[in-house]
PDB file of N, CA and C in Angstrom:
ATOM      1  N   MET A   1     154.949 184.265  43.477  1.00  0.00           N
ATOM      2  CA  MET A   1     154.454 185.706  42.052  1.00  0.00           C
ATOM      3  C   MET A   1     154.907 185.356  40.888  1.00  0.00           C
ATOM      4  N   ASN A   2     153.966 185.545  39.565  1.00  0.00           N
ATOM      5  CA  ASN A   2     154.588 185.506  39.140  1.00  0.00           C
ATOM      6  C   ASN A   2     154.340 186.997  38.121  1.00  0.00           C
ATOM      7  N   ILE A   3     155.330 187.321  37.061  1.00  0.00           N
ATOM      8  CA  ILE A   3     154.425 188.581  36.564  1.00  0.00           C
ATOM      9  C   ILE A   3     153.334 189.255  36.090  1.00  0.00           C
ATOM     10  N   LEU A   4     153.173 187.383  35.300  1.00  0.00           N
ATOM     11  CA  LEU A   4     151.918 187.953  34.421  1.00  0.00           C
ATOM     12  C   LEU A   4     150.321 187.811  36.345  1.00  0.00           C
ATOM     13  N   GLN A   5     150.672 187.810  37.363  1.00  0.00           N
ATOM     14  CA  GLN A   5     149.858 187.623  38.481  1.00  0.00           C
ATOM     15  C   GLN A   5     150.365 188.995  38.827  1.00  0.00           C
ATOM     16  N   ILE A   6     150.987 189.473  39.115  1.00  0.00           N
ATOM     17  CA  ILE A   6     151.453 191.124  39.249  1.00  0.00           C
ATOM     18  C   ILE A   6     151.133 191.787  38.456  1.00  0.00           C
ATOM     19  N   VAL A   7     151.156 191.806  37.340  1.00  0.00           N
ATOM     20  CA  VAL A   7     150.555 192.668  36.240  1.00  0.00           C
ATOM     21  C   VAL A   7     149.342 192.304  35.853  1.00  0.00           C
ATOM     22  N   ALA A   8     148.105 191.646  36.333  1.00  0.00           N
ATOM     23  CA  ALA A   8     146.681 191.701  36.176  1.00  0.00           C
ATOM     24  C   ALA A   8     146.130 191.619  37.339  1.00  0.00           C
ATOM     25  N   MET A   9     144.794 192.122  38.013  1.00  0.00           N
ATOM     26  CA  MET A   9     143.935 192.670  39.063  1.00  0.00           C
ATOM     27  C   MET A   9     143.663 191.222  38.966  1.00  0.00           C
ATOM     28  N   SER A  10     143.097 191.241  40.359  1.00  0.00           N
ATOM     29  CA  SER A  10     142.674 189.871  40.427  1.00  0.00           C
ATOM     30  C   SER A  10     140.879 189.896  40.711  1.00  0.00           C
ATOM     31  N   ARG A  11     140.189 189.223  41.245  1.00  0.00           N
ATOM     32  CA  ARG A  11     138.680 189.248  41.516  1.00  0.00           C
ATOM     33  C   ARG A  11     138.057 189.848  42.084  1.00  0.00           C
ATOM     34  N   GLU A  12     139.471 190.393  42.732  1.00  0.00           N
ATOM     35  CA  GLU A  12     138.621 192.028  43.680  1.00  0.00           C
ATOM     36  C   GLU A  12     138.437 192.768  43.145  1.00  0.00           C
ATOM     37  N   GLY A  13     138.756 193.159  41.794  1.00  0.00           N
ATOM     38  CA  GLY A  13     138.152 193.773  40.951  1.00  0.00           C
ATOM     39  C   GLY A  13     139.205 195.331  41.172  1.00  0.00           C
ATOM     40  N   GLY A  14     138.344 196.648  39.968  1.00  0.00           N
ATOM     41  CA  GLY A  14     139.765 197.092  40.482  1.00  0.00           C
ATOM     42  C   GLY A  14     140.398 197.567  38.532  1.00  0.00           C
ATOM     43  N   ARG A  15     141.008 198.650  38.638  1.00  0.00           N
ATOM     44  CA  ARG A  15     141.418 198.665  37.185  1.00  0.00           C
ATOM     45  C   ARG A  15     142.574 197.850  36.648  1.00  0.00           C
ATOM     46  N   ALA A  16     141.812 196.681  35.504  1.00  0.00           N
ATOM     47  CA  ALA A  16     143.459 195.892  35.230  1.00  0.00           C
ATOM     48  C   ALA A  16     144.265 196.394  34.616  1.00  0.00           C
ATOM     49  N   SER A  17     145.541 195.435  34.936  1.00  0.00           N
ATOM     50  CA  SER A  17     146.673 195.817  34.141  1.00  0.00           C
ATOM     51  C   SER A  17     146.940 194.621  32.932  1.00  0.00           C
ATOM     52  N   TRP A  18     147.237 195.634  31.843  1.00  0.00           N
ATOM     53  CA  TRP A  18     147.653 194.484  30.454  1.00  0.00           C
ATOM     54  C   TRP A  18     148.510 194.419  30.487  1.00  0.00           C
ATOM     55  N   SER A  19     148.852 193.025  29.985  1.00  0.00           N
ATOM     56  CA  SER A  19     150.829 192.623  29.568  1.00  0.00           C
ATOM     57  C   SER A  19     150.813 193.152  28.008  1.00  0.00           C
ATOM     58  N   PHE A  20     151.675 192.806  26.920  1.00  0.00           N
ATOM     59  CA  PHE A  20     151.506 193.311  25.712  1.00  0.00           C
ATOM     60  C   PHE A  20     151.072 191.360  25.732  1.00  0.00           C
ATOM     61  N   THR A  21     151.690 189.778  26.713  1.00  0.00           N
ATOM     62  CA  THR A  21     150.782 188.476  26.422  1.00  0.00           C
ATOM     63  C   THR A  21     149.442 188.534  26.578  1.00  0.00           C
ATOM     64  N   LEU A  22     149.383 189.659  27.463  1.00  0.00           N
ATOM     65  CA  LEU A  22     147.544 189.278  28.035  1.00  0.00           C
ATOM     66  C   LEU A  22     146.493 190.642  26.349  1.00  0.00           C
ATOM     67  N   GLU A  23     146.956 191.033  26.217  1.00  0.00           N
ATOM     68  CA  GLU A  23     146.537 192.133  25.519  1.00  0.00           C
ATOM     69  C   GLU A  23     146.265 191.013  24.085  1.00  0.00           C
ATOM     70  N   LYS A  24     147.556 190.387  23.576  1.00  0.00           N
ATOM     71  CA  LYS A  24     147.382 189.466  22.492  1.00  0.00           C
ATOM     72  C   LYS A  24     146.481 188.431  22.489  1.00  0.00           C
ATOM     73  N   GLY A  25     146.904 187.889  23.660  1.00  0.00           N
ATOM     74  CA  GLY A  25     145.951 186.712  24.326  1.00  0.00           C
ATOM     75  C   GLY A  25     144.542 186.728  23.990  1.00  0.00           C
ATOM     76  N   LEU A  26     144.201 188.208  24.009  1.00  0.00           N
ATOM     77  CA  LEU A  26     142.202 189.059  24.184  1.00  0.00           C
ATOM     78  C   LEU A  26     142.105 188.686  22.664  1.00  0.00           C
ATOM     79  N   VAL A  27     143.193 189.882  21.827  1.00  0.00           N
ATOM     80  CA  VAL A  27     143.054 189.481  20.222  1.00  0.00           C
ATOM     81  C   VAL A  27     143.059 187.965  19.715  1.00  0.00           C
ATOM     82  N   ASP A  28     143.641 187.137  20.500  1.00  0.00           N
ATOM     83  CA  ASP A  28     143.312 186.331  19.571  1.00  0.00           C
ATOM     84  C   ASP A  28     141.552 185.647  19.474  1.00  0.00           C
ATOM     85  N   VAL A  29     141.792 185.514  21.335  1.00  0.00           N
ATOM     86  CA  VAL A  29     140.072 185.115  21.272  1.00  0.00           C
ATOM     87  C   VAL A  29     139.285 186.115  21.000  1.00  0.00           C
ATOM     88  N   LEU A  30     139.581 186.609  20.820  1.00  0.00           N
ATOM     89  CA  LEU A  30     138.360 187.259  19.626  1.00  0.00           C
ATOM     90  C   LEU A  30     138.432 187.619  18.301  1.00  0.00           C
ATOM     91  N   HIS A  31     139.881 187.184  17.651  1.00  0.00           N
ATOM     92  CA  HIS A  31     139.318 186.436  16.404  1.00  0.00           C
ATOM     93  C   HIS A  31     138.196 185.324  16.331  1.00  0.00           C
ATOM     94  N   GLU A  32     138.992 184.600  17.240  1.00  0.00           N
ATOM     95  CA  GLU A  32     137.976 183.015  17.279  1.00  0.00           C
ATOM     96  C   GLU A  32     136.788 183.633  17.545  1.00  0.00           C
ATOM     97  N   HIS A  33     136.252 183.665  18.462  1.00  0.00           N
ATOM     98  CA  HIS A  33     134.856 184.728  18.473  1.00  0.00           C
ATOM     99  C   HIS A  33     134.288 185.779  17.145  1.00  0.00           C
ATOM    100  N   ASN A  34     134.872 185.719  16.585  1.00  0.00           N
ATOM    101  CA  ASN A  34     134.639 186.791  15.008  1.00  0.00           C
ATOM    102  C   ASN A  34     133.556 185.799  14.048  1.00  0.00           C
ATOM    103  N   GLN A  35     132.154 185.431  14.747  1.00  0.00           N
ATOM    104  CA  GLN A  35     131.952 184.654  14.340  1.00  0.00           C
ATOM    105  C   GLN A  35     130.374 185.206  14.106  1.00  0.00           C
ATOM    106  N   PRO A  36     129.057 184.899  13.396  1.00  0.00           N
ATOM    107  CA  PRO A  36     128.026 185.058  13.651  1.00  0.00           C
ATOM    108  C   PRO A  36     126.923 185.105  14.622  1.00  0.00           C
ATOM    109  N   LYS A  37     127.841 183.731  15.020  1.00  0.00           N
ATOM    110  CA  LYS A  37     126.906 183.115  16.727  1.00  0.00           C
ATOM    111  C   LYS A  37     127.055 183.897  17.856  1.00  0.00           C
ATOM    112  N   PHE A  38     128.375 184.292  17.164  1.00  0.00           N
ATOM    113  CA  PHE A  38     128.310 185.870  18.922  1.00  0.00           C
ATOM    114  C   PHE A  38     128.955 186.692  18.542  1.00  0.00           C
ATOM    115  N   ARG A  39     127.798 187.725  17.563  1.00  0.00           N
ATOM    116  CA  ARG A  39     128.183 188.860  16.995  1.00  0.00           C
ATOM    117  C   ARG A  39     126.247 188.921  16.244  1.00  0.00           C
ATOM    118  N   ALA A  40     126.563 190.354  16.650  1.00  0.00           N
ATOM    119  CA  ALA A  40     125.202 190.877  16.463  1.00  0.00           C
ATOM    120  C   ALA A  40     125.540 192.039  15.397  1.00  0.00           C
ATOM    121  N   GLN A  41     125.267 193.036  14.173  1.00  0.00           N
ATOM    122  CA  GLN A  41     125.391 193.571  13.218  1.00  0.00           C
ATOM    123  C   GLN A  41     127.165 194.209  13.323  1.00  0.00           C
ATOM    124  N   ASN A  42     126.954 194.904  15.173  1.00  0.00           N
ATOM    125  CA  ASN A  42     128.144 195.139  14.907  1.00  0.00           C
ATOM    126  C   ASN A  42     129.265 195.480  16.449  1.00  0.00           C
ATOM    127  N   ALA A  43     128.121 194.262  17.118  1.00  0.00           N
ATOM    128  CA  ALA A  43     128.576 193.927  18.314  1.00  0.00           C
ATOM    129  C   ALA A  43     128.622 192.434  18.854  1.00  0.00           C
ATOM    130  N   TRP A  44     129.175 192.761  19.351  1.00  0.00           N
ATOM    131  CA  TRP A  44     129.013 191.001  20.606  1.00  0.00           C
ATOM    132  C   TRP A  44     127.843 191.576  20.899  1.00  0.00           C
ATOM    133  N   ILE A  45     127.551 189.516  21.349  1.00  0.00           N
ATOM    134  CA  ILE A  45     125.934 189.534  21.666  1.00  0.00           C
ATOM    135  C   ILE A  45     126.741 189.229  23.325  1.00  0.00           C
ATOM    136  N   THR A  46     125.358 189.073  24.480  1.00  0.00           N
ATOM    137  CA  THR A  46     125.982 188.316  25.642  1.00  0.00           C
ATOM    138  C   THR A  46     126.486 187.123  25.540  1.00  0.00           C
ATOM    139  N   GLU A  47     125.808 186.896  25.198  1.00  0.00           N
ATOM    140  CA  GLU A  47     126.577 185.068  24.688  1.00  0.00           C
ATOM    141  C   GLU A  47     128.427 185.178  24.703  1.00  0.00           C
ATOM    142  N   GLY A  48     127.908 185.560  22.765  1.00  0.00           N
ATOM    143  CA  GLY A  48     129.802 186.578  22.794  1.00  0.00           C
ATOM    144  C   GLY A  48     130.795 186.314  23.605  1.00  0.00           C
ATOM    145  N   TRP A  49     129.987 187.903  24.618  1.00  0.00           N
ATOM    146  CA  TRP A  49     130.959 188.240  25.867  1.00  0.00           C
ATOM    147  C   TRP A  49     130.923 186.530  26.996  1.00  0.00           C
ATOM    148  N   ARG A  50     130.525 186.278  26.726  1.00  0.00           N
ATOM    149  CA  ARG A  50     130.183 185.472  28.328  1.00  0.00           C
ATOM    150  C   ARG A  50     131.771 184.994  28.033  1.00  0.00           C
ATOM    151  N   SER A  51     131.290 183.955  26.662  1.00  0.00           N
ATOM    152  CA  SER A  51     132.237 182.623  25.969  1.00  0.00           C
ATOM    153  C   SER A  51     133.430 183.628  26.086  1.00  0.00           C
ATOM    154  N   ILE A  52     134.040 184.676  25.051  1.00  0.00           N
ATOM    155  CA  ILE A  52     135.188 185.618  25.236  1.00  0.00           C
ATOM    156  C   ILE A  52     135.751 186.084  26.533  1.00  0.00           C
ATOM    157  N   THR A  53     134.706 186.015  27.816  1.00  0.00           N
ATOM    158  CA  THR A  53     135.319 185.929  28.904  1.00  0.00           C
ATOM    159  C   THR A  53     136.420 185.215  29.919  1.00  0.00           C
ATOM    160  N   THR A  54     135.764 183.718  29.224  1.00  0.00           N
ATOM    161  CA  THR A  54     135.841 182.518  29.642  1.00  0.00           C
ATOM    162  C   THR A  54     136.424 181.749  29.181  1.00  0.00           C
ATOM    163  N   MET A  55     136.645 182.037  27.796  1.00  0.00           N
ATOM    164  CA  MET A  55     138.298 181.708  27.402  1.00  0.00           C
ATOM    165  C   MET A  55     139.477 182.211  27.137  1.00  0.00           C
ATOM    166  N   PHE A  56     139.608 183.479  27.624  1.00  0.00           N
ATOM    167  CA  PHE A  56     140.256 184.709  28.000  1.00  0.00           C
ATOM    168  C   PHE A  56     140.687 183.639  29.733  1.00  0.00           C
ATOM    169  N   ASN A  57     140.231 184.153  30.585  1.00  0.00           N
ATOM    170  CA  ASN A  57     140.830 183.241  31.566  1.00  0.00           C
ATOM    171  C   ASN A  57     140.798 181.800  31.798  1.00  0.00           C
ATOM    172  N   ASP A  58     140.458 180.888  30.748  1.00  0.00           N
ATOM    173  CA  ASP A  58     140.849 179.520  30.631  1.00  0.00           C
ATOM    174  C   ASP A  58     142.340 179.509  30.074  1.00  0.00           C
ATOM    175  N   LYS A  59     142.800 180.509  29.193  1.00  0.00           N
ATOM    176  CA  LYS A  59     144.046 180.629  28.896  1.00  0.00           C
ATOM    177  C   LYS A  59     145.126 181.252  29.317  1.00  0.00           C
ATOM    178  N   PHE A  60     144.644 182.210  30.038  1.00  0.00           N
ATOM    179  CA  PHE A  60     145.659 182.541  31.020  1.00  0.00           C
ATOM    180  C   PHE A  60     144.747 182.439  33.035  1.00  0.00           C
ATOM    181  N   PRO A  61     144.690 181.341  33.367  1.00  0.00           N
ATOM    182  CA  PRO A  61     144.779 181.423  34.519  1.00  0.00           C
ATOM    183  C   PRO A  61     145.627 181.856  36.162  1.00  0.00           C
ATOM    184  N   HIS A  62     145.798 182.050  36.047  1.00  0.00           N
ATOM    185  CA  HIS A  62     146.946 182.752  36.585  1.00  0.00           C
ATOM    186  C   HIS A  62     146.062 184.418  37.030  1.00  0.00           C
ATOM    187  N   VAL A  63     145.643 185.053  36.168  1.00  0.00           N
ATOM    188  CA  VAL A  63     144.750 186.133  36.148  1.00  0.00           C
ATOM    189  C   VAL A  63     143.294 185.990  36.248  1.00  0.00           C
ATOM    190  N   HIS A  64     142.319 186.627  36.791  1.00  0.00           N
ATOM    191  CA  HIS A  64     140.850 186.483  36.492  1.00  0.00           C
ATOM    192  C   HIS A  64     140.650 187.921  35.621  1.00  0.00           C
ATOM    193  N   PHE A  65     140.105 188.049  35.117  1.00  0.00           N
ATOM    194  CA  PHE A  65     139.274 189.819  34.539  1.00  0.00           C
ATOM    195  C   PHE A  65     138.076 189.532  34.317  1.00  0.00           C
ATOM    196  N   THR A  66     137.420 190.679  34.808  1.00  0.00           N
ATOM    197  CA  THR A  66     135.645 190.559  34.528  1.00  0.00           C
ATOM    198  C   THR A  66     135.402 190.408  33.191  1.00  0.00           C
ATOM    199  N   LYS A  67     133.745 190.147  32.922  1.00  0.00           N
ATOM    200  CA  LYS A  67     134.140 191.157  31.761  1.00  0.00           C
ATOM    201  C   LYS A  67     133.986 192.459  31.380  1.00  0.00           C
ATOM    202  N   GLN A  68     133.473 193.419  32.724  1.00  0.00           N
ATOM    203  CA  GLN A  68     133.630 193.984  32.413  1.00  0.00           C
ATOM    204  C   GLN A  68     134.991 195.145  32.086  1.00  0.00           C
ATOM    205  N   GLN A  69     135.702 194.430  32.498  1.00  0.00           N
ATOM    206  CA  GLN A  69     137.484 195.003  32.447  1.00  0.00           C
ATOM    207  C   GLN A  69     138.008 194.081  30.691  1.00  0.00           C
ATOM    208  N   ILE A  70     137.560 192.821  30.281  1.00  0.00           N
ATOM    209  CA  ILE A  70     137.988 192.366  29.125  1.00  0.00           C
ATOM    210  C   ILE A  70     136.973 193.401  28.055  1.00  0.00           C
ATOM    211  N   GLN A  71     135.377 194.308  28.225  1.00  0.00           N
ATOM    212  CA  GLN A  71     135.170 194.988  27.187  1.00  0.00           C
ATOM    213  C   GLN A  71     135.932 195.906  27.548  1.00  0.00           C
ATOM    214  N   GLU A  72     136.104 196.793  28.446  1.00  0.00           N
ATOM    215  CA  GLU A  72     137.017 198.292  28.664  1.00  0.00           C
ATOM    216  C   GLU A  72     138.111 198.339  27.557  1.00  0.00           C
ATOM    217  N   LYS A  73     138.690 196.740  27.483  1.00  0.00           N
ATOM    218  CA  LYS A  73     140.080 197.007  26.497  1.00  0.00           C
ATOM    219  C   LYS A  73     140.040 196.126  25.361  1.00  0.00           C
ATOM    220  N   GLU A  74     138.466 195.854  25.455  1.00  0.00           N
ATOM    221  CA  GLU A  74     138.862 195.992  23.979  1.00  0.00           C
ATOM    222  C   GLU A  74     138.519 196.937  23.477  1.00  0.00           C
ATOM    223  N   LYS A  75     137.443 197.515  23.858  1.00  0.00           N
ATOM    224  CA  LYS A  75     137.230 198.923  23.206  1.00  0.00           C
ATOM    225  C   LYS A  75     138.493 199.958  23.390  1.00  0.00           C
ATOM    226  N   GLU A  76     139.419 200.392  24.440  1.00  0.00           N
ATOM    227  CA  GLU A  76     140.759 199.963  23.693  1.00  0.00           C
ATOM    228  C   GLU A  76     141.344 199.869  22.061  1.00  0.00           C
ATOM    229  N   LEU A  77     142.047 198.589  23.093  1.00  0.00           N
ATOM    230  CA  LEU A  77     142.617 198.171  21.371  1.00  0.00           C
ATOM    231  C   LEU A  77     141.787 198.338  20.010  1.00  0.00           C
ATOM    232  N   LYS A  78     140.402 198.691  19.874  1.00  0.00           N
ATOM    233  CA  LYS A  78     139.606 199.093  18.938  1.00  0.00           C
ATOM    234  C   LYS A  78     140.097 200.792  18.382  1.00  0.00           C
ATOM    235  N   GLY A  79     140.037 201.568  19.627  1.00  0.00           N
ATOM    236  CA  GLY A  79     140.233 202.701  19.403  1.00  0.00           C
ATOM    237  C   GLY A  79     142.000 202.896  18.634  1.00  0.00           C
ATOM    238  N   SER A  80     142.831 202.368  19.279  1.00  0.00           N
ATOM    239  CA  SER A  80     144.231 202.042  19.022  1.00  0.00           C
ATOM    240  C   SER A  80     144.158 202.268  17.322  1.00  0.00           C
ATOM    241  N   TYR A  81     144.065 200.420  17.211  1.00  0.00           N
ATOM    242  CA  TYR A  81     143.721 199.985  15.993  1.00  0.00           C
ATOM    243  C   TYR A  81     143.511 201.566  15.265  1.00  0.00           C
ATOM    244  N   LYS A  82     141.894 201.991  15.113  1.00  0.00           N
ATOM    245  CA  LYS A  82     141.854 203.381  14.506  1.00  0.00           C
ATOM    246  C   LYS A  82     143.073 203.946  13.757  1.00  0.00           C
ATOM    247  N   ALA A  83     143.575 204.050  15.046  1.00  0.00           N
ATOM    248  CA  ALA A  83     144.132 205.755  15.221  1.00  0.00           C
ATOM    249  C   ALA A  83     145.143 205.188  13.979  1.00  0.00           C
ATOM    250  N   ILE A  84     145.682 203.804  14.532  1.00  0.00           N
ATOM    251  CA  ILE A  84     147.271 203.010  13.814  1.00  0.00           C
ATOM    252  C   ILE A  84     146.908 203.229  12.317  1.00  0.00           C
ATOM    253  N   LYS A  85     145.419 202.539  11.738  1.00  0.00           N
ATOM    254  CA  LYS A  85     145.310 202.209  10.236  1.00  0.00           C
ATOM    255  C   LYS A  85     144.725 204.465  10.307  1.00  0.00           C
ATOM    256  N   ASN A  86     144.384 205.017  10.363  1.00  0.00           N
ATOM    257  CA  ASN A  86     144.595 205.842  10.180  1.00  0.00           C
ATOM    258  C   ASN A  86     145.513 207.045   9.272  1.00  0.00           C
ATOM    259  N   ALA A  87     147.072 206.395  10.549  1.00  0.00           N
ATOM    260  CA  ALA A  87     147.936 207.433  10.449  1.00  0.00           C
ATOM    261  C   ALA A  87     148.819 206.480   9.467  1.00  0.00           C
ATOM    262  N   ARG A  88     148.939 204.851   9.308  1.00  0.00           N
ATOM    263  CA  ARG A  88     149.180 204.707   7.955  1.00  0.00           C
ATOM    264  C   ARG A  88     149.568 205.654   6.513  1.00  0.00           C
ATOM    265  N   LYS A  89     148.040 206.123   6.530  1.00  0.00           N
ATOM    266  CA  LYS A  89     147.504 206.274   5.273  1.00  0.00           C
ATOM    267  C   LYS A  89     148.085 207.650   5.679  1.00  0.00           C
ATOM    268  N   GLU A  90     148.641 207.918   6.015  1.00  0.00           N
ATOM    269  CA  GLU A  90     149.157 209.377   6.177  1.00  0.00           C
ATOM    270  C   GLU A  90     150.841 209.599   4.794  1.00  0.00           C
ATOM    271  N   SER A  91     150.689 209.778   3.849  1.00  0.00           N
ATOM    272  CA  SER A  91     151.570 210.363   3.106  1.00  0.00           C
ATOM    273  C   SER A  91     153.658 210.094   3.807  1.00  0.00           C
ATOM    274  N   GLY A  92     154.301 209.421   3.632  1.00  0.00           N
ATOM    275  CA  GLY A  92     155.190 209.800   3.867  1.00  0.00           C
ATOM    276  C   GLY A  92     155.687 208.430   5.269  1.00  0.00           C
ATOM    277  N   CYS A  93     154.888 208.253   5.678  1.00  0.00           N
ATOM    278  CA  CYS A  93     155.105 207.122   7.105  1.00  0.00           C
ATOM    279  C   CYS A  93     155.223 205.897   6.581  1.00  0.00           C
ATOM    280  N   GLY A  94     155.849 204.813   7.287  1.00  0.00           N
ATOM    281  CA  GLY A  94     156.124 203.464   7.056  1.00  0.00           C
ATOM    282  C   GLY A  94     155.873 203.140   8.564  1.00  0.00           C
ATOM    283  N   TRP A  95     156.045 202.125   8.108  1.00  0.00           N
ATOM    284  CA  TRP A  95     155.612 200.562   9.536  1.00  0.00           C
ATOM    285  C   TRP A  95     156.871 199.985   9.855  1.00  0.00           C
ATOM    286  N   ASP A  96     157.299 199.682  10.817  1.00  0.00           N
ATOM    287  CA  ASP A  96     158.675 198.856  11.305  1.00  0.00           C
ATOM    288  C   ASP A  96     158.126 197.478  11.963  1.00  0.00           C
ATOM    289  N   ASP A  97     157.863 196.306  10.911  1.00  0.00           N
ATOM    290  CA  ASP A  97     157.877 194.883  11.414  1.00  0.00           C
ATOM    291  C   ASP A  97     158.408 194.413  12.612  1.00  0.00           C
ATOM    292  N   THR A  98     159.420 194.787  12.635  1.00  0.00           N
ATOM    293  CA  THR A  98     160.378 194.275  13.926  1.00  0.00           C
ATOM    294  C   THR A  98     159.356 194.711  15.050  1.00  0.00           C
ATOM    295  N   LEU A  99     159.590 195.958  15.400  1.00  0.00           N
ATOM    296  CA  LEU A  99     159.186 196.853  16.102  1.00  0.00           C
ATOM    297  C   LEU A  99     157.993 197.255  16.626  1.00  0.00           C
ATOM    298  N   TYR A 100     157.212 196.708  16.121  1.00  0.00           N
ATOM    299  CA  TYR A 100     155.971 197.483  15.473  1.00  0.00           C
ATOM    300  C   TYR A 100     154.924 198.606  15.883  1.00  0.00           C
ATOM    301  N   MET A 101     155.573 199.507  15.014  1.00  0.00           N
ATOM    302  CA  MET A 101     155.621 201.248  15.168  1.00  0.00           C
ATOM    303  C   MET A 101     155.488 201.990  14.453  1.00  0.00           C
ATOM    304  N   ILE A 102     154.789 202.984  14.012  1.00  0.00           N
ATOM    305  CA  ILE A 102     155.271 203.492  12.335  1.00  0.00           C
ATOM    306  C   ILE A 102     156.569 204.718  12.709  1.00  0.00           C
ATOM    307  N   ILE A 103     156.873 205.187  11.852  1.00  0.00           N
ATOM    308  CA  ILE A 103     158.086 205.180  11.710  1.00  0.00           C
ATOM    309  C   ILE A 103     157.631 206.791  10.332  1.00  0.00           C
ATOM    310  N   ALA A 104     158.240 207.921  10.714  1.00  0.00           N
ATOM    311  CA  ALA A 104     157.592 208.645  10.221  1.00  0.00           C
ATOM    312  C   ALA A 104     158.434 209.851  11.166  1.00  0.00           C
ATOM    313  N   GLU A 105     158.689 211.074  10.011  1.00  0.00           N
ATOM    314  CA  GLU A 105     159.393 212.427   9.522  1.00  0.00           C
ATOM    315  C   GLU A 105     159.002 213.412  10.949  1.00  0.00           C
ATOM    316  N   PRO A 106     159.168 214.275  11.706  1.00  0.00           N
ATOM    317  CA  PRO A 106     158.859 214.853  12.605  1.00  0.00           C
ATOM    318  C   PRO A 106     157.144 215.530  11.713  1.00  0.00           C
ATOM    319  N   ALA A 107     157.426 216.683  10.853  1.00  0.00           N
ATOM    320  CA  ALA A 107     156.518 216.934  10.306  1.00  0.00           C
ATOM    321  C   ALA A 107     155.413 216.641   9.945  1.00  0.00           C
ATOM    322  N   ILE A 108     155.707 215.303   9.603  1.00  0.00           N
ATOM    323  CA  ILE A 108     154.242 214.490   9.393  1.00  0.00           C
ATOM    324  C   ILE A 108     153.846 213.691  10.339  1.00  0.00           C
ATOM    325  N   TRP A 109     154.598 213.709  11.381  1.00  0.00           N
ATOM    326  CA  TRP A 109     153.950 213.415  13.016  1.00  0.00           C
ATOM    327  C   TRP A 109     153.284 214.403  12.884  1.00  0.00           C
ATOM    328  N   ASP A 110     153.436 215.868  12.643  1.00  0.00           N
ATOM    329  CA  ASP A 110     152.966 216.875  13.051  1.00  0.00           C
ATOM    330  C   ASP A 110     151.215 217.048  13.003  1.00  0.00           C
ATOM    331  N   ARG A 111     151.199 216.275  11.933  1.00  0.00           N
ATOM    332  CA  ARG A 111     149.814 216.179  10.681  1.00  0.00           C
ATOM    333  C   ARG A 111     149.260 215.294  11.077  1.00  0.00           C
ATOM    334  N   ILE A 112     149.975 214.341  11.870  1.00  0.00           N
ATOM    335  CA  ILE A 112     149.495 212.932  12.435  1.00  0.00           C
ATOM    336  C   ILE A 112     148.228 213.415  13.596  1.00  0.00           C
ATOM    337  N   LEU A 113     149.708 214.147  14.557  1.00  0.00           N
ATOM    338  CA  LEU A 113     148.574 214.210  16.130  1.00  0.00           C
ATOM    339  C   LEU A 113     147.970 215.460  16.222  1.00  0.00           C
ATOM    340  N   ALA A 114     148.386 215.716  14.977  1.00  0.00           N
ATOM    341  CA  ALA A 114     146.215 216.846  15.117  1.00  0.00           C
ATOM    342  C   ALA A 114     145.314 216.324  14.879  1.00  0.00           C
ATOM    343  N   VAL A 115     145.106 215.457  13.930  1.00  0.00           N
ATOM    344  CA  VAL A 115     144.393 214.640  14.207  1.00  0.00           C
ATOM    345  C   VAL A 115     144.391 213.335  15.168  1.00  0.00           C
ATOM    346  N   SER A 116     145.014 212.902  16.202  1.00  0.00           N
ATOM    347  CA  SER A 116     144.928 211.756  16.645  1.00  0.00           C
ATOM    348  C   SER A 116     145.731 211.760  17.783  1.00  0.00           C
ATOM    349  N   ILE A 117     145.815 212.521  18.796  1.00  0.00           N
ATOM    350  CA  ILE A 117     147.144 212.287  19.609  1.00  0.00           C
ATOM    351  C   ILE A 117     147.087 211.070  20.893  1.00  0.00           C
ATOM    352  N   GLY A 118     146.541 209.915  20.672  1.00  0.00           N
ATOM    353  CA  GLY A 118     146.237 208.616  20.823  1.00  0.00           C
ATOM    354  C   GLY A 118     147.202 208.105  20.045  1.00  0.00           C
ATOM    355  N   ILE A 119     148.021 208.434  18.930  1.00  0.00           N
ATOM    356  CA  ILE A 119     149.211 207.173  18.271  1.00  0.00           C
ATOM    357  C   ILE A 119     150.062 207.829  19.473  1.00  0.00           C
ATOM    358  N   LEU A 120     150.891 209.401  19.645  1.00  0.00           N
ATOM    359  CA  LEU A 120     152.007 209.054  20.395  1.00  0.00           C
ATOM    360  C   LEU A 120     152.367 208.206  21.266  1.00  0.00           C
ATOM    361  N   HIS A 121     151.879 207.283  21.478  1.00  0.00           N
ATOM    362  CA  HIS A 121     152.477 205.395  22.457  1.00  0.00           C
ATOM    363  C   HIS A 121     153.075 205.139  21.103  1.00  0.00           C
ATOM    364  N   TYR A 122     152.829 205.336  19.691  1.00  0.00           N
ATOM    365  CA  TYR A 122     153.229 204.516  18.478  1.00  0.00           C
ATOM    366  C   TYR A 122     154.821 205.543  18.076  1.00  0.00           C
ATOM    367  N   PHE A 123     155.128 206.748  19.162  1.00  0.00           N
ATOM    368  CA  PHE A 123     155.850 207.251  18.412  1.00  0.00           C
ATOM    369  C   PHE A 123     156.501 207.038  18.187  1.00  0.00           C
ATOM    370  N   TYR A 124     157.997 206.570  16.958  1.00  0.00           N
ATOM    371  CA  TYR A 124     159.251 206.602  16.133  1.00  0.00           C
ATOM    372  C   TYR A 124     159.622 207.184  14.825  1.00  0.00           C
ATOM    373  N   THR A 125     160.487 208.043  15.668  1.00  0.00           N
ATOM    374  CA  THR A 125     161.029 208.592  14.259  1.00  0.00           C
ATOM    375  C   THR A 125     162.310 208.120  13.527  1.00  0.00           C
ATOM    376  N   GLY A 126     163.067 206.408  14.004  1.00  0.00           N
ATOM    377  CA  GLY A 126     164.283 206.558  13.424  1.00  0.00           C
ATOM    378  C   GLY A 126     165.688 206.370  13.759  1.00  0.00           C
ATOM    379  N   LYS A 127     165.727 207.429  14.260  1.00  0.00           N
ATOM    380  CA  LYS A 127     166.965 207.981  14.772  1.00  0.00           C
ATOM    381  C   LYS A 127     167.373 207.331  15.910  1.00  0.00           C
TER     382      LYS A 127
END
């Protein structure tokens, strides 16, 4: 059994575990589906979700995620994106393209964390 099989839950259901590779793959699939035929005003249509799920599972045949597991991950990724985007707007914040992390002094982090505790995952002081 390889690492991706261990990381992802199978057809039996349950809570899915996602690796960076699987998250990146999902983001790529979502970008490919960001077209009017798969979306309504602010959401994916049923056919869009069906296509996203099929394409994702075809791309990673060693794992199988349900539509619900993929929808939950998309919602989580959207929340993380918004938190990072808002944190980067703070004066004195930087971004490390190598580490994919926000860089800020502790005083700035105090302001950021007051707004969004979920951003803690991306904490990096550069020290």
